[in-house]
Structure formats: C-alpha cells, structure tokens
Amino acid sequence: MLTNLSRIIKFGLQRFWRNGWLSTVTIAIMFLALIVFGGINLFNVLAKTALFSIQERIDISVFFKKTTSEDEILKIQSVVKTLPEAKSIEYITADKALEIFKERYKDDETIAQAIEQSGENPLLASINIKAYDPKQYQVIASFLEGEEFKNAIERVSYDERNAKMIDRLVKIIDTTKLFGLSLTAFLTLVAVLITFTAIGLAIYSSRDEIAIIKLVGGTNFFTTGPYIIEGITYGLIAAILSTIIIWPLVYFASPYVKNFIPEMNLRQYFASHFFIILFQQILFGIVVGVTSSIIAVRRYLKV
C-alpha cells in the first residue's frame, strides 16, 4: 500500500513538472484567488475591531436634576438595568464628575480658576448606558424621555449621528465583503476551469500510458491518484506563495491601519495567527485543486 502511494505521489509530481507553463498559469490564478481569500479574512478582523472600537465610544448620558436624590437615581438605574437593550450602566456622582473634569483640564489654568471661584460643583450626577447594538440607543433614549422620569432627569444626551455613522460603516463593510467574496468566487471558478483543463490535457497526453496501466491490471486508485496529487500540488504551492506575499503586505500596512484603528496591531495579529492563516490558505488551495482534479478525472477517465 505504501509502495503504491509513493509511486502515485511520484507520478503526480512528474506530471506536474511536465506540464510546465500550464502548471505555472494554474498556480498563478490560484495564487490570485488565495490572495483575495486571505485579504477578505484579514478585512473581516479589521472590520470587527473597527466596529467594536466605535461602539465602545458610544453611550447615552443621563443627567439628573440637582434636586434628584441619590435614592431616586439608583431606582432609575435599577429600572434601566431591566431593559433588554442595556448592556452596562455606570453611575457617576456629581463629585466624581467634578474629579474627572478637573483631571481632564488640569493643564488649563483658566478652567481650573473658574471652578475654584464658583465655590460649588456645577456638574450633575449622571448614568452612562451602553447598548448591545447601536440601533438600540434610540429605544433607550425614548424610554428615558418618558413622562415618569420627567421630574428627575435634566436631560438625556444622545448623539444620533453616531448610530447613523455606524450604520453607514456597516453598509460599507457589507458591500466590500460582498465584492471580495464575488471576486474570490470568480477567481476560484477560473482556477477550477484552468486546473480542469490542465488535468484534462495531462490525461489526453497520457492516454496510451493509461490504457497500458489498465490492461496490466492497474487499479482505479493507481490510475487516477497522480492527477489528484497534481491538483493538490497546484493548491499547496499557490497557498504557500500567497501567504509569503501577504506577510510583507501586512507589515507594510500595519502602521497605517493603526492610525485609523489604534486598538488593532495587524502585525501582531498576523504573527500570532500565522499558522491558522497558513492552514486556511492551504486548505482552500487544496480543496480547489482536488475538486478540479476529481471533475477532470470523472470527465476524461472511464473509472
């Protein structure tokens, strides 16, 4: 069994080298498909990180009147916690708000002097609410602007433009993903057709050899195996080459990505996930190669 397998691999590699330029073209098309495939995977990671980063900066700030007691604020906080849209709630007292304000503007002497001269805390107690989904902020804001909270709440601060910005970003990401997937599908189809043609030509050029193998009792596995190995070789080489090319592109793009998404270190992500990315590339390439080979074998060989 091992002897037959080694012979199949040997014959498959021999046929790969014999095809010459056709093998090069096949690998080139597979390479392009794998570059786009790898790019889409990295783009998905960037898109998720960007959305998470923006969503974490958005919240609803509910400011309470000076006359609202802490007990009332805590009761309202408890009510908001029961909302299915509320992910987290942070209560900030007026004193804590003043500390944060002073720390933020500690280098601005004008503001610091104005606060000292006022003699009282001009800031209000508040709660900051984060939602699970940006689309849910409007629901929370409408709830808090109801009549039952009118006497306790001074104002609800919610910038609807942030939610609209996220909606636009999601649409852009979805459109880009669709384009990338369409391009990958197209290049994959082209790669399958070219591999199919390459294997078909190899079968045609070896028709006399195949007939002799069948006459002397060669099994279907021994006859078709080399062509499957040839398809695997196409996919494996294309996958390795695409990963080698993606690596320097990632290192070059990483500083620019970090300017837009500070939380994302693309170099570090690629380095820590290198073997997973390589495995995905190899798996995709081999699946394309094997699928093309099987289709060609079934089409041109009566096995």
Protein backbone atom coordinates (compact mmCIF):
# COMPACT_ATOMS: atom_id res chain seq x y z
CA MET A 1 0.00 0.00 0.00
CA LEU A 2 2.78 2.43 0.95
CA THR A 3 4.70 1.48 -2.19
CA ASN A 4 1.68 2.24 -4.39
CA LEU A 5 1.10 5.54 -2.57
CA SER A 6 4.71 6.60 -3.03
CA ARG A 7 4.50 5.74 -6.74
CA ILE A 8 1.27 7.73 -7.11
CA ILE A 9 2.89 10.77 -5.48
CA LYS A 10 5.99 10.35 -7.68
CA PHE A 11 3.94 10.11 -10.89
CA GLY A 12 1.77 13.04 -9.82
CA LEU A 13 4.80 15.28 -9.26
CA GLN A 14 6.31 14.14 -12.57
CA ARG A 15 3.14 15.13 -14.41
CA PHE A 16 3.17 18.46 -12.59
CA TRP A 17 6.68 19.24 -13.88
CA ARG A 18 5.86 18.00 -17.38
CA ASN A 19 3.01 20.49 -17.76
CA GLY A 20 5.48 23.36 -17.42
CA TRP A 21 3.85 26.64 -18.38
CA LEU A 22 0.33 25.29 -17.89
CA SER A 23 1.20 24.47 -14.28
CA THR A 24 2.60 28.00 -13.85
CA VAL A 25 -0.59 29.60 -15.19
CA THR A 26 -2.76 27.38 -12.99
CA ILE A 27 -0.75 28.26 -9.89
CA ALA A 28 -0.88 31.98 -10.81
CA ILE A 29 -4.70 32.00 -10.99
CA MET A 30 -4.98 30.01 -7.76
CA PHE A 31 -2.49 32.42 -6.20
CA LEU A 32 -4.70 35.42 -7.07
CA ALA A 33 -7.79 33.69 -5.68
CA LEU A 34 -5.93 32.89 -2.45
CA ILE A 35 -4.60 36.45 -2.11
CA VAL A 36 -8.17 37.76 -2.26
CA PHE A 37 -9.37 35.00 0.09
CA GLY A 38 -6.67 35.85 2.64
CA GLY A 39 -7.40 39.56 2.23
CA ILE A 40 -11.08 39.01 2.99
CA ASN A 41 -10.23 37.10 6.17
CA LEU A 42 -7.95 39.93 7.38
CA PHE A 43 -10.54 42.53 6.35
CA ASN A 44 -13.17 40.75 8.46
CA VAL A 45 -10.89 41.00 11.50
CA LEU A 46 -10.25 44.71 10.85
CA ALA A 47 -13.95 45.40 10.32
CA LYS A 48 -14.96 43.70 13.57
CA THR A 49 -12.24 45.56 15.51
CA ALA A 50 -13.24 48.91 13.97
CA LEU A 51 -16.92 48.40 14.75
CA PHE A 52 -16.17 47.32 18.30
CA SER A 53 -13.91 50.32 18.80
CA ILE A 54 -16.56 52.77 17.61
CA GLN A 55 -19.36 51.09 19.54
CA GLU A 56 -17.35 51.28 22.76
CA ARG A 57 -17.13 55.07 22.38
CA ILE A 58 -20.88 55.50 22.05
CA ASP A 59 -23.22 55.66 25.01
CA ILE A 60 -26.18 57.54 26.43
CA SER A 61 -25.51 60.01 29.24
CA VAL A 62 -28.49 60.69 31.51
CA PHE A 63 -28.04 63.83 33.64
CA PHE A 64 -30.17 64.27 36.76
CA LYS A 65 -31.52 67.45 38.30
CA LYS A 66 -29.82 68.90 41.37
CA THR A 67 -32.99 68.15 43.34
CA THR A 68 -32.93 64.44 42.45
CA SER A 69 -31.81 62.35 45.41
CA GLU A 70 -29.30 59.52 45.11
CA ASP A 71 -32.03 57.00 46.05
CA GLU A 72 -34.12 58.15 43.08
CA ILE A 73 -31.11 57.89 40.77
CA LEU A 74 -30.37 54.35 41.96
CA LYS A 75 -34.02 53.38 41.44
CA ILE A 76 -33.94 54.67 37.87
CA GLN A 77 -30.65 52.85 37.35
CA SER A 78 -32.30 49.62 38.53
CA VAL A 79 -35.18 50.15 36.11
CA VAL A 80 -32.80 50.76 33.19
CA LYS A 81 -30.91 47.55 34.07
CA THR A 82 -34.06 45.58 33.34
CA LEU A 83 -34.16 46.83 29.75
CA PRO A 84 -33.07 44.07 27.32
CA GLU A 85 -31.20 46.65 25.25
CA ALA A 86 -28.97 47.83 28.15
CA LYS A 87 -25.56 46.14 28.16
CA SER A 88 -23.91 48.08 31.01
CA ILE A 89 -24.65 51.06 33.25
CA GLU A 90 -22.21 53.30 35.12
CA TYR A 91 -23.33 55.69 37.83
CA ILE A 92 -21.23 58.86 38.15
CA THR A 93 -21.89 61.10 41.13
CA ALA A 94 -21.58 64.88 40.83
CA ASP A 95 -18.39 64.79 42.94
CA LYS A 96 -16.84 62.08 40.76
CA ALA A 97 -17.83 64.02 37.63
CA LEU A 98 -16.03 67.06 39.03
CA GLU A 99 -12.89 65.00 39.72
CA ILE A 100 -12.90 63.66 36.17
CA PHE A 101 -13.42 67.17 34.80
CA LYS A 102 -10.54 68.59 36.85
CA GLU A 103 -8.22 65.79 35.77
CA ARG A 104 -9.12 66.30 32.12
CA TYR A 105 -8.48 70.06 32.22
CA LYS A 106 -5.72 70.14 34.81
CA ASP A 107 -3.39 71.93 32.39
CA ASP A 108 -5.92 74.66 31.63
CA GLU A 109 -5.49 77.31 34.35
CA THR A 110 -8.48 79.36 33.20
CA ILE A 111 -10.92 76.50 33.71
CA ALA A 112 -9.29 75.48 37.00
CA GLN A 113 -9.61 79.03 38.38
CA ALA A 114 -13.23 79.32 37.19
CA ILE A 115 -14.18 76.17 39.12
CA GLU A 116 -12.37 77.36 42.26
CA GLN A 117 -14.05 80.78 42.14
CA SER A 118 -17.53 79.33 41.62
CA GLY A 119 -17.40 77.80 45.10
CA GLU A 120 -19.79 74.99 44.16
CA ASN A 121 -19.94 71.95 41.93
CA PRO A 122 -21.61 72.95 38.65
CA LEU A 123 -21.77 69.39 37.34
CA LEU A 124 -24.69 66.98 37.62
CA ALA A 125 -24.89 63.34 38.65
CA SER A 126 -25.37 61.03 35.69
CA ILE A 127 -25.53 57.46 34.46
CA ASN A 128 -23.81 56.27 31.29
CA ILE A 129 -25.56 53.48 29.41
CA LYS A 130 -24.11 51.22 26.74
CA ALA A 131 -26.34 49.13 24.48
CA TYR A 132 -25.71 45.79 22.81
CA ASP A 133 -26.46 47.24 19.39
CA PRO A 134 -26.12 50.87 18.19
CA LYS A 135 -29.65 50.69 16.82
CA GLN A 136 -30.95 50.18 20.37
CA TYR A 137 -29.81 53.57 21.68
CA GLN A 138 -32.85 55.32 20.25
CA VAL A 139 -35.12 52.87 22.11
CA ILE A 140 -33.33 53.55 25.43
CA ALA A 141 -33.36 57.31 24.85
CA SER A 142 -37.10 57.31 24.10
CA PHE A 143 -37.77 55.29 27.25
CA LEU A 144 -35.83 57.72 29.48
CA GLU A 145 -37.53 60.75 27.93
CA GLY A 146 -40.90 59.44 29.10
CA GLU A 147 -43.21 61.31 31.49
CA GLU A 148 -42.40 59.12 34.52
CA PHE A 149 -38.79 60.37 34.58
CA LYS A 150 -39.50 64.00 33.68
CA ASN A 151 -39.17 65.31 37.26
CA ALA A 152 -35.89 63.53 37.94
CA ILE A 153 -33.96 63.80 34.69
CA GLU A 154 -32.49 67.09 33.48
CA ARG A 155 -31.59 65.84 30.01
CA VAL A 156 -30.67 62.76 28.01
CA SER A 157 -27.53 63.20 25.93
CA TYR A 158 -27.56 61.02 22.87
CA ASP A 159 -26.00 61.84 19.52
CA GLU A 160 -27.98 60.01 16.86
CA ARG A 161 -25.30 60.86 14.33
CA ASN A 162 -23.00 58.26 15.91
CA ALA A 163 -25.54 55.49 15.31
CA LYS A 164 -26.04 56.66 11.72
CA MET A 165 -22.26 56.69 11.24
CA ILE A 166 -22.09 53.07 12.41
CA ASP A 167 -24.94 52.13 10.07
CA ARG A 168 -23.04 53.66 7.16
CA LEU A 169 -19.86 51.87 8.22
CA VAL A 170 -21.70 48.54 8.41
CA LYS A 171 -23.10 49.08 4.91
CA ILE A 172 -19.64 49.90 3.56
CA ILE A 173 -18.18 46.80 5.22
CA ASP A 174 -21.00 44.58 3.91
CA THR A 175 -20.57 45.96 0.38
CA THR A 176 -16.80 45.44 0.50
CA LYS A 177 -17.25 41.90 1.79
CA LEU A 178 -19.74 41.13 -0.98
CA PHE A 179 -17.36 42.48 -3.61
CA GLY A 180 -14.45 40.49 -2.12
CA LEU A 181 -16.47 37.28 -1.96
CA SER A 182 -17.67 37.78 -5.54
CA LEU A 183 -14.11 38.35 -6.74
CA THR A 184 -12.90 35.28 -4.81
CA ALA A 185 -15.73 33.18 -6.28
CA PHE A 186 -14.89 34.38 -9.79
CA LEU A 187 -11.15 33.71 -9.43
CA THR A 188 -11.86 30.34 -7.82
CA LEU A 189 -14.10 29.39 -10.75
CA VAL A 190 -11.37 30.45 -13.19
CA ALA A 191 -8.81 28.45 -11.18
CA VAL A 192 -11.08 25.38 -11.24
CA LEU A 193 -11.57 25.67 -15.00
CA ILE A 194 -7.85 26.12 -15.69
CA THR A 195 -6.91 23.25 -13.37
CA PHE A 196 -9.62 21.16 -15.01
CA THR A 197 -8.10 21.97 -18.42
CA ALA A 198 -4.56 21.24 -17.22
CA ILE A 199 -5.55 17.85 -15.81
CA GLY A 200 -7.62 17.11 -18.92
CA LEU A 201 -4.63 17.82 -21.19
CA ALA A 202 -2.40 15.68 -18.96
CA ILE A 203 -4.89 12.81 -19.23
CA TYR A 204 -5.14 13.22 -23.00
CA SER A 205 -1.36 13.30 -23.48
CA SER A 206 -1.00 10.19 -21.29
CA ARG A 207 -3.91 8.24 -22.82
CA ASP A 208 -1.66 5.46 -24.21
CA GLU A 209 0.14 5.11 -20.87
CA ILE A 210 -3.20 4.98 -19.02
CA ALA A 211 -4.50 2.30 -21.40
CA ILE A 212 -1.42 0.13 -20.74
CA ILE A 213 -1.81 0.57 -16.96
CA LYS A 214 -5.44 -0.54 -17.22
CA LEU A 215 -4.51 -3.55 -19.40
CA VAL A 216 -1.94 -4.82 -16.91
CA GLY A 217 -4.46 -4.64 -14.07
CA GLY A 218 -3.84 -1.16 -12.65
CA THR A 219 -6.50 -0.14 -10.12
CA ASN A 220 -8.69 2.95 -10.46
CA PHE A 221 -6.89 4.44 -7.47
CA PHE A 222 -3.47 3.93 -9.07
CA THR A 223 -4.72 5.36 -12.38
CA THR A 224 -6.45 8.48 -11.02
CA GLY A 225 -4.23 9.13 -7.98
CA PRO A 226 -1.41 11.01 -9.80
CA TYR A 227 -3.88 13.55 -11.19
CA ILE A 228 -5.29 14.19 -7.71
CA ILE A 229 -1.72 14.67 -6.45
CA GLU A 230 -1.13 17.11 -9.31
CA GLY A 231 -4.18 19.16 -8.25
CA ILE A 232 -3.04 19.11 -4.61
CA THR A 233 0.40 20.35 -5.69
CA TYR A 234 -1.15 23.31 -7.54
CA GLY A 235 -3.15 24.31 -4.48
CA LEU A 236 -0.33 23.77 -1.99
CA ILE A 237 2.21 25.86 -3.90
CA ALA A 238 -0.32 28.66 -4.52
CA ALA A 239 -1.26 28.70 -0.82
CA ILE A 240 2.35 28.94 0.37
CA LEU A 241 3.20 31.65 -2.17
CA SER A 242 0.11 33.70 -1.29
CA THR A 243 0.94 33.56 2.44
CA ILE A 244 4.54 34.61 1.74
CA ILE A 245 3.27 37.62 -0.25
CA ILE A 246 0.60 38.58 2.32
CA TRP A 247 3.18 38.71 5.14
CA PRO A 248 5.18 41.76 3.89
CA LEU A 249 1.94 43.46 2.77
CA VAL A 250 0.62 43.12 6.32
CA TYR A 251 3.82 44.53 7.82
CA PHE A 252 3.74 47.45 5.40
CA ALA A 253 0.06 48.24 6.01
CA SER A 254 0.10 47.77 9.80
CA PRO A 255 1.21 51.34 10.77
CA TYR A 256 -1.46 52.86 8.50
CA VAL A 257 -4.13 50.58 9.94
CA LYS A 258 -3.09 51.55 13.46
CA ASN A 259 -3.62 55.23 12.61
CA PHE A 260 -7.28 54.51 11.89
CA ILE A 261 -7.82 51.69 14.40
CA PRO A 262 -5.48 52.22 17.40
CA GLU A 263 -6.71 49.01 19.04
CA MET A 264 -5.58 46.90 16.09
CA ASN A 265 -1.96 45.76 15.73
CA LEU A 266 -2.10 43.98 12.39
CA ARG A 267 1.49 42.75 12.58
CA GLN A 268 0.95 41.20 15.98
CA TYR A 269 -2.33 39.63 14.90
CA PHE A 270 -0.77 38.11 11.76
CA ALA A 271 2.25 36.81 13.68
CA SER A 272 0.13 35.24 16.45
CA HIS A 273 -2.32 33.71 13.95
CA PHE A 274 0.24 32.83 11.26
CA PHE A 275 -0.22 29.06 11.36
CA ILE A 276 -4.01 29.37 11.41
CA ILE A 277 -3.88 31.70 8.38
CA LEU A 278 -1.45 29.36 6.59
CA PHE A 279 -3.69 26.38 7.33
CA GLN A 280 -6.74 28.24 5.94
CA GLN A 281 -4.82 29.15 2.78
CA ILE A 282 -3.54 25.60 2.28
CA LEU A 283 -6.96 24.08 2.94
CA PHE A 284 -8.64 26.43 0.46
CA GLY A 285 -5.96 25.80 -2.19
CA ILE A 286 -6.05 22.02 -1.80
CA VAL A 287 -9.86 21.92 -1.90
CA VAL A 288 -9.83 23.89 -5.18
CA GLY A 289 -7.09 21.67 -6.63
CA VAL A 290 -8.65 18.37 -5.58
CA THR A 291 -12.13 19.41 -6.70
CA SER A 292 -10.83 20.40 -10.15
CA SER A 293 -8.86 17.16 -10.45
CA ILE A 294 -11.80 14.96 -9.48
CA ILE A 295 -14.06 16.72 -12.00
CA ALA A 296 -11.45 16.27 -14.76
CA VAL A 297 -10.81 12.63 -13.87
CA ARG A 298 -14.53 11.80 -13.93
CA ARG A 299 -14.92 13.66 -17.21
CA TYR A 300 -11.97 12.18 -19.13
CA LEU A 301 -11.27 8.84 -17.45
CA LYS A 302 -13.74 5.98 -17.51
CA VAL A 303 -13.09 4.76 -13.96
